[in-house]
């Protein structure tokens, strides 16, 4: 998928240069100067994360190493781009996703942090978590497991704990917390199954399971397991029915009556 997507991104980049010459140097530096998605994404994210302590060249090298040693990471990123393009009504090009969408960018930074965590570079992984939080306003523990085809819409204020698992094809909106219920140790965070939609401001707390194809209403506080293909809403959240779609993450319909 990544090679086909890369050709699409280059085509869209050429169109942007024709339509808005003021962006020519930026788009060229981010996309057209590169030979593949791995290189472009490494450059874009390194440019965002770098500071006086951690130069862009070093961060770019870290991304390149992660992409080379774990090729699935770039395929996961490709699925994430496709998910945002298909689900976000405000997005009209794939290029906009990699250049401007901080939800997408924060997930890719987490993928690097998770790679470092798994390779026993935990201090550096925590540094990347901190940079992710400062730059994008998204705080994801490096140990958290995130699948592919995941979208963070708007993303500001999302907090995700250490033992959280987010499976494939999930959509999460701003100000969502996937957290614990106290200072307990061990497996203490939610397990979000495929196809789930977690609406704006929801709090999902504890080692609980949000079943496949479930929907969590905006502002809800979820403290117990949610059955598959069930809508929950309220404080504390209670079942109100079933989503109208098999996979609510794909429709992005936050209305809990549907």
C-alpha atoms as a PDB file:
ATOM      1  CA  UNK A   1       0.000   0.000   0.000  1.00  0.00           C
ATOM      2  CA  UNK A   2       2.769   2.482   0.901  1.00  0.00           C
ATOM      3  CA  UNK A   3       4.214   2.654  -2.647  1.00  0.00           C
ATOM      4  CA  UNK A   4       0.838   3.342  -4.263  1.00  0.00           C
ATOM      5  CA  UNK A   5       0.092   5.918  -1.567  1.00  0.00           C
ATOM      6  CA  UNK A   6       3.464   7.536  -2.151  1.00  0.00           C
ATOM      7  CA  UNK A   7       2.655   8.123  -5.814  1.00  0.00           C
ATOM      8  CA  UNK A   8      -0.635   9.725  -4.776  1.00  0.00           C
ATOM      9  CA  UNK A   9       1.135  11.989  -2.299  1.00  0.00           C
ATOM     10  CA  UNK A  10       3.617  13.172  -4.922  1.00  0.00           C
ATOM     11  CA  UNK A  11       0.821  13.927  -7.356  1.00  0.00           C
ATOM     12  CA  UNK A  12      -1.058  15.928  -4.732  1.00  0.00           C
ATOM     13  CA  UNK A  13       2.148  17.779  -3.828  1.00  0.00           C
ATOM     14  CA  UNK A  14       2.594  18.883  -7.442  1.00  0.00           C
ATOM     15  CA  UNK A  15      -0.974  20.164  -7.492  1.00  0.00           C
ATOM     16  CA  UNK A  16      -0.411  22.199  -4.319  1.00  0.00           C
ATOM     17  CA  UNK A  17       2.673  23.843  -5.804  1.00  0.00           C
ATOM     18  CA  UNK A  18       0.684  24.883  -8.860  1.00  0.00           C
ATOM     19  CA  UNK A  19      -2.236  26.197  -6.807  1.00  0.00           C
ATOM     20  CA  UNK A  20      -0.240  27.906  -4.037  1.00  0.00           C
ATOM     21  CA  UNK A  21       3.326  28.874  -5.020  1.00  0.00           C
ATOM     22  CA  UNK A  22       4.035  30.211  -1.525  1.00  0.00           C
ATOM     23  CA  UNK A  23       3.986  26.616  -0.286  1.00  0.00           C
ATOM     24  CA  UNK A  24       6.323  25.341  -2.997  1.00  0.00           C
ATOM     25  CA  UNK A  25       9.488  25.227  -0.888  1.00  0.00           C
ATOM     26  CA  UNK A  26       7.673  23.671   2.074  1.00  0.00           C
ATOM     27  CA  UNK A  27       5.960  20.951   0.053  1.00  0.00           C
ATOM     28  CA  UNK A  28       9.136  20.242  -1.887  1.00  0.00           C
ATOM     29  CA  UNK A  29      11.162  19.870   1.308  1.00  0.00           C
ATOM     30  CA  UNK A  30       8.534  17.629   2.929  1.00  0.00           C
ATOM     31  CA  UNK A  31       7.587  15.429  -0.035  1.00  0.00           C
ATOM     32  CA  UNK A  32       9.152  16.000  -3.422  1.00  0.00           C
ATOM     33  CA  UNK A  33      12.746  15.883  -2.185  1.00  0.00           C
ATOM     34  CA  UNK A  34      12.178  12.317  -0.983  1.00  0.00           C
ATOM     35  CA  UNK A  35      12.039   8.928  -2.686  1.00  0.00           C
ATOM     36  CA  UNK A  36       9.458   7.222  -0.501  1.00  0.00           C
ATOM     37  CA  UNK A  37       7.000   7.654   2.336  1.00  0.00           C
ATOM     38  CA  UNK A  38       9.546   6.498   4.924  1.00  0.00           C
ATOM     39  CA  UNK A  39      11.922   9.302   4.065  1.00  0.00           C
ATOM     40  CA  UNK A  40       9.230  11.978   3.825  1.00  0.00           C
ATOM     41  CA  UNK A  41       7.541  11.005   7.072  1.00  0.00           C
ATOM     42  CA  UNK A  42      10.873  10.866   8.896  1.00  0.00           C
ATOM     43  CA  UNK A  43      11.655  14.393   7.707  1.00  0.00           C
ATOM     44  CA  UNK A  44       8.242  15.843   8.551  1.00  0.00           C
ATOM     45  CA  UNK A  45       8.111  14.378  12.054  1.00  0.00           C
ATOM     46  CA  UNK A  46      11.730  15.188  12.858  1.00  0.00           C
ATOM     47  CA  UNK A  47      11.126  18.793  11.836  1.00  0.00           C
ATOM     48  CA  UNK A  48       8.193  18.961  14.239  1.00  0.00           C
ATOM     49  CA  UNK A  49       9.921  17.286  17.194  1.00  0.00           C
ATOM     50  CA  UNK A  50      13.423  18.698  17.059  1.00  0.00           C
ATOM     51  CA  UNK A  51      14.668  21.349  19.449  1.00  0.00           C
ATOM     52  CA  UNK A  52      17.956  22.784  20.682  1.00  0.00           C
ATOM     53  CA  UNK A  53      18.692  19.619  22.649  1.00  0.00           C
ATOM     54  CA  UNK A  54      17.645  17.049  20.030  1.00  0.00           C
ATOM     55  CA  UNK A  55      18.553  18.127  16.463  1.00  0.00           C
ATOM     56  CA  UNK A  56      16.303  17.192  13.557  1.00  0.00           C
ATOM     57  CA  UNK A  57      19.001  15.049  11.932  1.00  0.00           C
ATOM     58  CA  UNK A  58      19.185  12.768  14.968  1.00  0.00           C
ATOM     59  CA  UNK A  59      15.407  12.418  15.231  1.00  0.00           C
ATOM     60  CA  UNK A  60      15.176  11.720  11.515  1.00  0.00           C
ATOM     61  CA  UNK A  61      17.800   8.999  11.891  1.00  0.00           C
ATOM     62  CA  UNK A  62      15.785   7.414  14.715  1.00  0.00           C
ATOM     63  CA  UNK A  63      12.657   7.299  12.549  1.00  0.00           C
ATOM     64  CA  UNK A  64      14.644   5.861   9.658  1.00  0.00           C
ATOM     65  CA  UNK A  65      16.033   3.115  11.872  1.00  0.00           C
ATOM     66  CA  UNK A  66      12.581   2.239  13.220  1.00  0.00           C
ATOM     67  CA  UNK A  67      11.060   2.138   9.733  1.00  0.00           C
ATOM     68  CA  UNK A  68      13.898  -0.029   8.410  1.00  0.00           C
ATOM     69  CA  UNK A  69      13.959  -2.524  11.280  1.00  0.00           C
ATOM     70  CA  UNK A  70      10.167  -2.741  11.597  1.00  0.00           C
ATOM     71  CA  UNK A  71       8.682  -2.305   8.094  1.00  0.00           C
ATOM     72  CA  UNK A  72       5.198  -2.868   9.505  1.00  0.00           C
ATOM     73  CA  UNK A  73       5.398   0.605  11.056  1.00  0.00           C
ATOM     74  CA  UNK A  74       5.263   2.354   7.672  1.00  0.00           C
ATOM     75  CA  UNK A  75       2.444   0.065   6.540  1.00  0.00           C
ATOM     76  CA  UNK A  76       0.570   0.937   9.737  1.00  0.00           C
ATOM     77  CA  UNK A  77       1.140   4.615   8.953  1.00  0.00           C
ATOM     78  CA  UNK A  78      -0.216   4.103   5.435  1.00  0.00           C
ATOM     79  CA  UNK A  79      -3.386   2.576   6.890  1.00  0.00           C
ATOM     80  CA  UNK A  80      -3.667   5.535   9.277  1.00  0.00           C
ATOM     81  CA  UNK A  81      -3.440   7.991   6.369  1.00  0.00           C
ATOM     82  CA  UNK A  82      -6.170   6.117   4.527  1.00  0.00           C
ATOM     83  CA  UNK A  83      -8.352   6.070   7.656  1.00  0.00           C
ATOM     84  CA  UNK A  84      -8.133   9.842   8.124  1.00  0.00           C
ATOM     85  CA  UNK A  85      -8.756  10.518   4.435  1.00  0.00           C
ATOM     86  CA  UNK A  86     -11.871   8.341   4.431  1.00  0.00           C
ATOM     87  CA  UNK A  87     -13.344   9.366   7.809  1.00  0.00           C
ATOM     88  CA  UNK A  88     -12.575  13.076   8.223  1.00  0.00           C
ATOM     89  CA  UNK A  89     -15.011  15.218   6.255  1.00  0.00           C
ATOM     90  CA  UNK A  90     -12.593  18.162   6.488  1.00  0.00           C
ATOM     91  CA  UNK A  91      -9.811  16.310   4.647  1.00  0.00           C
ATOM     92  CA  UNK A  92      -9.766  16.335   0.843  1.00  0.00           C
ATOM     93  CA  UNK A  93      -6.235  15.062   0.129  1.00  0.00           C
ATOM     94  CA  UNK A  94      -3.876  12.446   1.521  1.00  0.00           C
ATOM     95  CA  UNK A  95      -1.143  15.085   1.535  1.00  0.00           C
ATOM     96  CA  UNK A  96      -3.005  17.186   4.103  1.00  0.00           C
ATOM     97  CA  UNK A  97      -2.961  14.236   6.493  1.00  0.00           C
ATOM     98  CA  UNK A  98       0.824  13.897   6.651  1.00  0.00           C
ATOM     99  CA  UNK A  99       1.513  17.640   6.586  1.00  0.00           C
ATOM    100  CA  UNK A 100      -1.104  19.089   8.922  1.00  0.00           C
ATOM    101  CA  UNK A 101      -3.086  16.534  10.923  1.00  0.00           C
ATOM    102  CA  UNK A 102      -1.538  16.368  14.384  1.00  0.00           C
ATOM    103  CA  UNK A 103      -3.656  13.370  15.364  1.00  0.00           C
ATOM    104  CA  UNK A 104      -2.005  11.347  12.617  1.00  0.00           C
ATOM    105  CA  UNK A 105       1.414  12.793  13.396  1.00  0.00           C
ATOM    106  CA  UNK A 106       1.138  12.036  17.113  1.00  0.00           C
ATOM    107  CA  UNK A 107       0.317   8.389  16.407  1.00  0.00           C
ATOM    108  CA  UNK A 108       3.411   8.063  14.223  1.00  0.00           C
ATOM    109  CA  UNK A 109       5.582   9.609  16.933  1.00  0.00           C
ATOM    110  CA  UNK A 110       4.133   7.060  19.323  1.00  0.00           C
ATOM    111  CA  UNK A 111       5.049   4.272  16.919  1.00  0.00           C
ATOM    112  CA  UNK A 112       8.686   5.404  17.189  1.00  0.00           C
ATOM    113  CA  UNK A 113       8.455   5.663  20.990  1.00  0.00           C
ATOM    114  CA  UNK A 114       6.926   2.175  21.150  1.00  0.00           C
ATOM    115  CA  UNK A 115       9.704   0.796  18.937  1.00  0.00           C
ATOM    116  CA  UNK A 116      12.307   2.309  21.267  1.00  0.00           C
ATOM    117  CA  UNK A 117      10.468   0.955  24.327  1.00  0.00           C
ATOM    118  CA  UNK A 118      10.435  -2.574  22.919  1.00  0.00           C
ATOM    119  CA  UNK A 119      14.146  -2.314  22.104  1.00  0.00           C
ATOM    120  CA  UNK A 120      15.067  -1.435  25.685  1.00  0.00           C
ATOM    121  CA  UNK A 121      15.689   2.259  25.006  1.00  0.00           C
ATOM    122  CA  UNK A 122      13.102   3.307  27.535  1.00  0.00           C
ATOM    123  CA  UNK A 123      14.589   6.657  28.539  1.00  0.00           C
ATOM    124  CA  UNK A 124      14.645   7.773  24.913  1.00  0.00           C
ATOM    125  CA  UNK A 125      11.116   6.424  24.472  1.00  0.00           C
ATOM    126  CA  UNK A 126       9.946   8.542  27.421  1.00  0.00           C
ATOM    127  CA  UNK A 127      11.695  11.561  25.910  1.00  0.00           C
ATOM    128  CA  UNK A 128       9.729  11.024  22.695  1.00  0.00           C
ATOM    129  CA  UNK A 129       6.522  10.710  24.706  1.00  0.00           C
ATOM    130  CA  UNK A 130       7.298  14.047  26.340  1.00  0.00           C
ATOM    131  CA  UNK A 131       8.014  15.708  22.996  1.00  0.00           C
ATOM    132  CA  UNK A 132       4.797  14.248  21.579  1.00  0.00           C
ATOM    133  CA  UNK A 133       2.844  15.747  24.456  1.00  0.00           C
ATOM    134  CA  UNK A 134       4.496  19.163  24.188  1.00  0.00           C
ATOM    135  CA  UNK A 135       4.307  19.488  20.406  1.00  0.00           C
ATOM    136  CA  UNK A 136       0.967  17.840  19.617  1.00  0.00           C
ATOM    137  CA  UNK A 137      -0.907  17.928  22.941  1.00  0.00           C
ATOM    138  CA  UNK A 138      -1.278  14.136  22.919  1.00  0.00           C
ATOM    139  CA  UNK A 139       0.136  12.046  25.786  1.00  0.00           C
ATOM    140  CA  UNK A 140       0.602   8.334  24.975  1.00  0.00           C
ATOM    141  CA  UNK A 141       2.723   6.055  27.137  1.00  0.00           C
ATOM    142  CA  UNK A 142       5.368   4.348  24.958  1.00  0.00           C
ATOM    143  CA  UNK A 143       4.294   0.870  26.116  1.00  0.00           C
ATOM    144  CA  UNK A 144       0.734   1.330  24.823  1.00  0.00           C
ATOM    145  CA  UNK A 145      -0.118  -0.912  21.860  1.00  0.00           C
ATOM    146  CA  UNK A 146      -1.859   0.755  18.906  1.00  0.00           C
ATOM    147  CA  UNK A 147      -3.057  -1.069  15.792  1.00  0.00           C
ATOM    148  CA  UNK A 148      -3.409   0.247  12.252  1.00  0.00           C
ATOM    149  CA  UNK A 149      -6.136   2.278  10.590  1.00  0.00           C
ATOM    150  CA  UNK A 150      -6.454   4.393  13.751  1.00  0.00           C
ATOM    151  CA  UNK A 151      -7.612   8.011  13.686  1.00  0.00           C
ATOM    152  CA  UNK A 152      -7.286  10.652  16.389  1.00  0.00           C
ATOM    153  CA  UNK A 153      -9.651  13.417  15.241  1.00  0.00           C
ATOM    154  CA  UNK A 154      -8.516  16.900  16.395  1.00  0.00           C
ATOM    155  CA  UNK A 155      -6.524  14.968  19.034  1.00  0.00           C
ATOM    156  CA  UNK A 156      -5.886  17.777  21.523  1.00  0.00           C
ATOM    157  CA  UNK A 157      -5.912  16.497  25.087  1.00  0.00           C
ATOM    158  CA  UNK A 158      -5.925  12.764  24.349  1.00  0.00           C
ATOM    159  CA  UNK A 159      -4.285  10.806  27.187  1.00  0.00           C
ATOM    160  CA  UNK A 160      -3.527   7.078  26.899  1.00  0.00           C
ATOM    161  CA  UNK A 161      -2.070   4.949  29.683  1.00  0.00           C
ATOM    162  CA  UNK A 162       0.713   2.390  29.731  1.00  0.00           C
ATOM    163  CA  UNK A 163      -1.205  -0.893  29.466  1.00  0.00           C
ATOM    164  CA  UNK A 164      -3.843   0.348  27.028  1.00  0.00           C
ATOM    165  CA  UNK A 165      -4.452  -1.697  23.878  1.00  0.00           C
ATOM    166  CA  UNK A 166      -6.082  -0.060  20.848  1.00  0.00           C
ATOM    167  CA  UNK A 167      -6.857  -2.498  18.063  1.00  0.00           C
ATOM    168  CA  UNK A 168      -7.230  -1.807  14.331  1.00  0.00           C
ATOM    169  CA  UNK A 169      -9.780   0.537  12.795  1.00  0.00           C
ATOM    170  CA  UNK A 170     -10.543   2.686  15.863  1.00  0.00           C
ATOM    171  CA  UNK A 171     -11.503   6.388  15.937  1.00  0.00           C
ATOM    172  CA  UNK A 172     -10.914   8.598  18.976  1.00  0.00           C
ATOM    173  CA  UNK A 173     -11.769  12.277  19.304  1.00  0.00           C
ATOM    174  CA  UNK A 174     -10.281  15.121  21.331  1.00  0.00           C
ATOM    175  CA  UNK A 175     -10.068  15.195  25.142  1.00  0.00           C
ATOM    176  CA  UNK A 176     -10.476  11.431  25.481  1.00  0.00           C
ATOM    177  CA  UNK A 177      -8.735   9.679  28.377  1.00  0.00           C
ATOM    178  CA  UNK A 178      -7.931   5.977  28.371  1.00  0.00           C
ATOM    179  CA  UNK A 179      -6.653   5.750  31.909  1.00  0.00           C
ATOM    180  CA  UNK A 180      -6.493   3.916  35.196  1.00  0.00           C
ATOM    181  CA  UNK A 181      -8.635   4.346  38.288  1.00  0.00           C
ATOM    182  CA  UNK A 182      -5.838   5.059  40.750  1.00  0.00           C
ATOM    183  CA  UNK A 183      -2.174   4.316  41.423  1.00  0.00           C
ATOM    184  CA  UNK A 184      -2.479   0.560  41.088  1.00  0.00           C
ATOM    185  CA  UNK A 185       0.258  -1.343  39.271  1.00  0.00           C
ATOM    186  CA  UNK A 186       0.039  -3.957  36.535  1.00  0.00           C
ATOM    187  CA  UNK A 187      -2.528  -4.254  33.756  1.00  0.00           C
ATOM    188  CA  UNK A 188      -4.772  -1.316  34.607  1.00  0.00           C
ATOM    189  CA  UNK A 189      -5.886   0.389  31.398  1.00  0.00           C
ATOM    190  CA  UNK A 190      -8.636  -0.160  28.789  1.00  0.00           C
ATOM    191  CA  UNK A 191      -8.647  -2.568  25.880  1.00  0.00           C
ATOM    192  CA  UNK A 192     -10.300  -0.943  22.844  1.00  0.00           C
ATOM    193  CA  UNK A 193     -11.393  -3.481  20.246  1.00  0.00           C
ATOM    194  CA  UNK A 194     -11.705  -3.000  16.478  1.00  0.00           C
ATOM    195  CA  UNK A 195     -14.266  -0.654  15.005  1.00  0.00           C
ATOM    196  CA  UNK A 196     -14.853   1.342  18.198  1.00  0.00           C
ATOM    197  CA  UNK A 197     -15.718   5.046  18.177  1.00  0.00           C
ATOM    198  CA  UNK A 198     -14.872   7.002  21.335  1.00  0.00           C
ATOM    199  CA  UNK A 199     -16.500  10.416  21.115  1.00  0.00           C
ATOM    200  CA  UNK A 200     -15.194  13.770  22.316  1.00  0.00           C
ATOM    201  CA  UNK A 201     -14.387  14.142  25.991  1.00  0.00           C
ATOM    202  CA  UNK A 202     -15.121  10.552  27.009  1.00  0.00           C
ATOM    203  CA  UNK A 203     -13.190   8.972  29.879  1.00  0.00           C
ATOM    204  CA  UNK A 204     -12.635   5.210  29.804  1.00  0.00           C
ATOM    205  CA  UNK A 205     -11.054   4.099  33.070  1.00  0.00           C
ATOM    206  CA  UNK A 206      -9.624   0.845  34.344  1.00  0.00           C
ATOM    207  CA  UNK A 207      -8.723  -2.538  32.893  1.00  0.00           C
ATOM    208  CA  UNK A 208     -11.995  -2.881  31.017  1.00  0.00           C
ATOM    209  CA  UNK A 209     -12.911  -3.936  27.497  1.00  0.00           C
ATOM    210  CA  UNK A 210     -14.765  -1.849  24.939  1.00  0.00           C
ATOM    211  CA  UNK A 211     -16.111  -4.531  22.639  1.00  0.00           C
ATOM    212  CA  UNK A 212     -15.790  -4.657  18.874  1.00  0.00           C
ATOM    213  CA  UNK A 213     -17.965  -2.121  17.046  1.00  0.00           C
ATOM    214  CA  UNK A 214     -19.049  -0.303  20.220  1.00  0.00           C
ATOM    215  CA  UNK A 215     -19.677   3.433  20.512  1.00  0.00           C
ATOM    216  CA  UNK A 216     -18.968   5.663  23.521  1.00  0.00           C
ATOM    217  CA  UNK A 217     -20.966   8.890  23.682  1.00  0.00           C
ATOM    218  CA  UNK A 218     -19.360  12.307  24.125  1.00  0.00           C
ATOM    219  CA  UNK A 219     -18.528  13.240  27.705  1.00  0.00           C
ATOM    220  CA  UNK A 220     -19.265   9.765  29.053  1.00  0.00           C
ATOM    221  CA  UNK A 221     -17.369   8.119  31.900  1.00  0.00           C
ATOM    222  CA  UNK A 222     -17.002   4.385  31.268  1.00  0.00           C
ATOM    223  CA  UNK A 223     -16.087   2.238  34.276  1.00  0.00           C
ATOM    224  CA  UNK A 224     -17.281  -1.212  33.167  1.00  0.00           C
ATOM    225  CA  UNK A 225     -16.935  -3.472  30.150  1.00  0.00           C
ATOM    226  CA  UNK A 226     -18.964  -2.520  27.079  1.00  0.00           C
ATOM    227  CA  UNK A 227     -20.506  -5.319  25.040  1.00  0.00           C
ATOM    228  CA  UNK A 228     -19.714  -5.526  21.306  1.00  0.00           C
ATOM    229  CA  UNK A 229     -21.888  -3.379  19.002  1.00  0.00           C
ATOM    230  CA  UNK A 230     -23.345  -1.435  21.918  1.00  0.00           C
ATOM    231  CA  UNK A 231     -23.738   2.319  22.446  1.00  0.00           C
ATOM    232  CA  UNK A 232     -23.039   3.652  25.947  1.00  0.00           C
ATOM    233  CA  UNK A 233     -23.505   7.176  27.237  1.00  0.00           C
ATOM    234  CA  UNK A 234     -23.646   9.069  30.509  1.00  0.00           C
ATOM    235  CA  UNK A 235     -21.907   9.333  33.882  1.00  0.00           C
ATOM    236  CA  UNK A 236     -21.471   6.524  34.636  1.00  0.00           C
ATOM    237  CA  UNK A 237     -22.006   5.240  31.112  1.00  0.00           C
ATOM    238  CA  UNK A 238     -24.947   2.952  30.475  1.00  0.00           C
ATOM    239  CA  UNK A 239     -26.094   1.071  27.393  1.00  0.00           C
ATOM    240  CA  UNK A 240     -28.627   2.971  25.295  1.00  0.00           C
ATOM    241  CA  UNK A 241     -28.903   0.680  22.289  1.00  0.00           C
ATOM    242  CA  UNK A 242     -26.823  -0.366  19.308  1.00  0.00           C
ATOM    243  CA  UNK A 243     -24.942   1.734  16.738  1.00  0.00           C
ATOM    244  CA  UNK A 244     -26.520   1.963  13.298  1.00  0.00           C
ATOM    245  CA  UNK A 245     -23.221   0.885  11.699  1.00  0.00           C
ATOM    246  CA  UNK A 246     -21.276  -2.325  12.161  1.00  0.00           C
ATOM    247  CA  UNK A 247     -18.103  -0.292  12.679  1.00  0.00           C
ATOM    248  CA  UNK A 248     -18.927   3.143  14.195  1.00  0.00           C
ATOM    249  CA  UNK A 249     -15.288   4.192  13.811  1.00  0.00           C
ATOM    250  CA  UNK A 250     -15.839   4.428  10.062  1.00  0.00           C
ATOM    251  CA  UNK A 251     -18.997   6.555  10.122  1.00  0.00           C
ATOM    252  CA  UNK A 252     -17.854   8.961  12.880  1.00  0.00           C
ATOM    253  CA  UNK A 253     -21.501   9.451  13.862  1.00  0.00           C
ATOM    254  CA  UNK A 254     -21.428  10.665  17.484  1.00  0.00           C
ATOM    255  CA  UNK A 255     -25.207  10.842  17.876  1.00  0.00           C
ATOM    256  CA  UNK A 256     -25.990   8.225  20.529  1.00  0.00           C
ATOM    257  CA  UNK A 257     -29.546   7.792  19.235  1.00  0.00           C
ATOM    258  CA  UNK A 258     -28.100   6.253  16.020  1.00  0.00           C
END
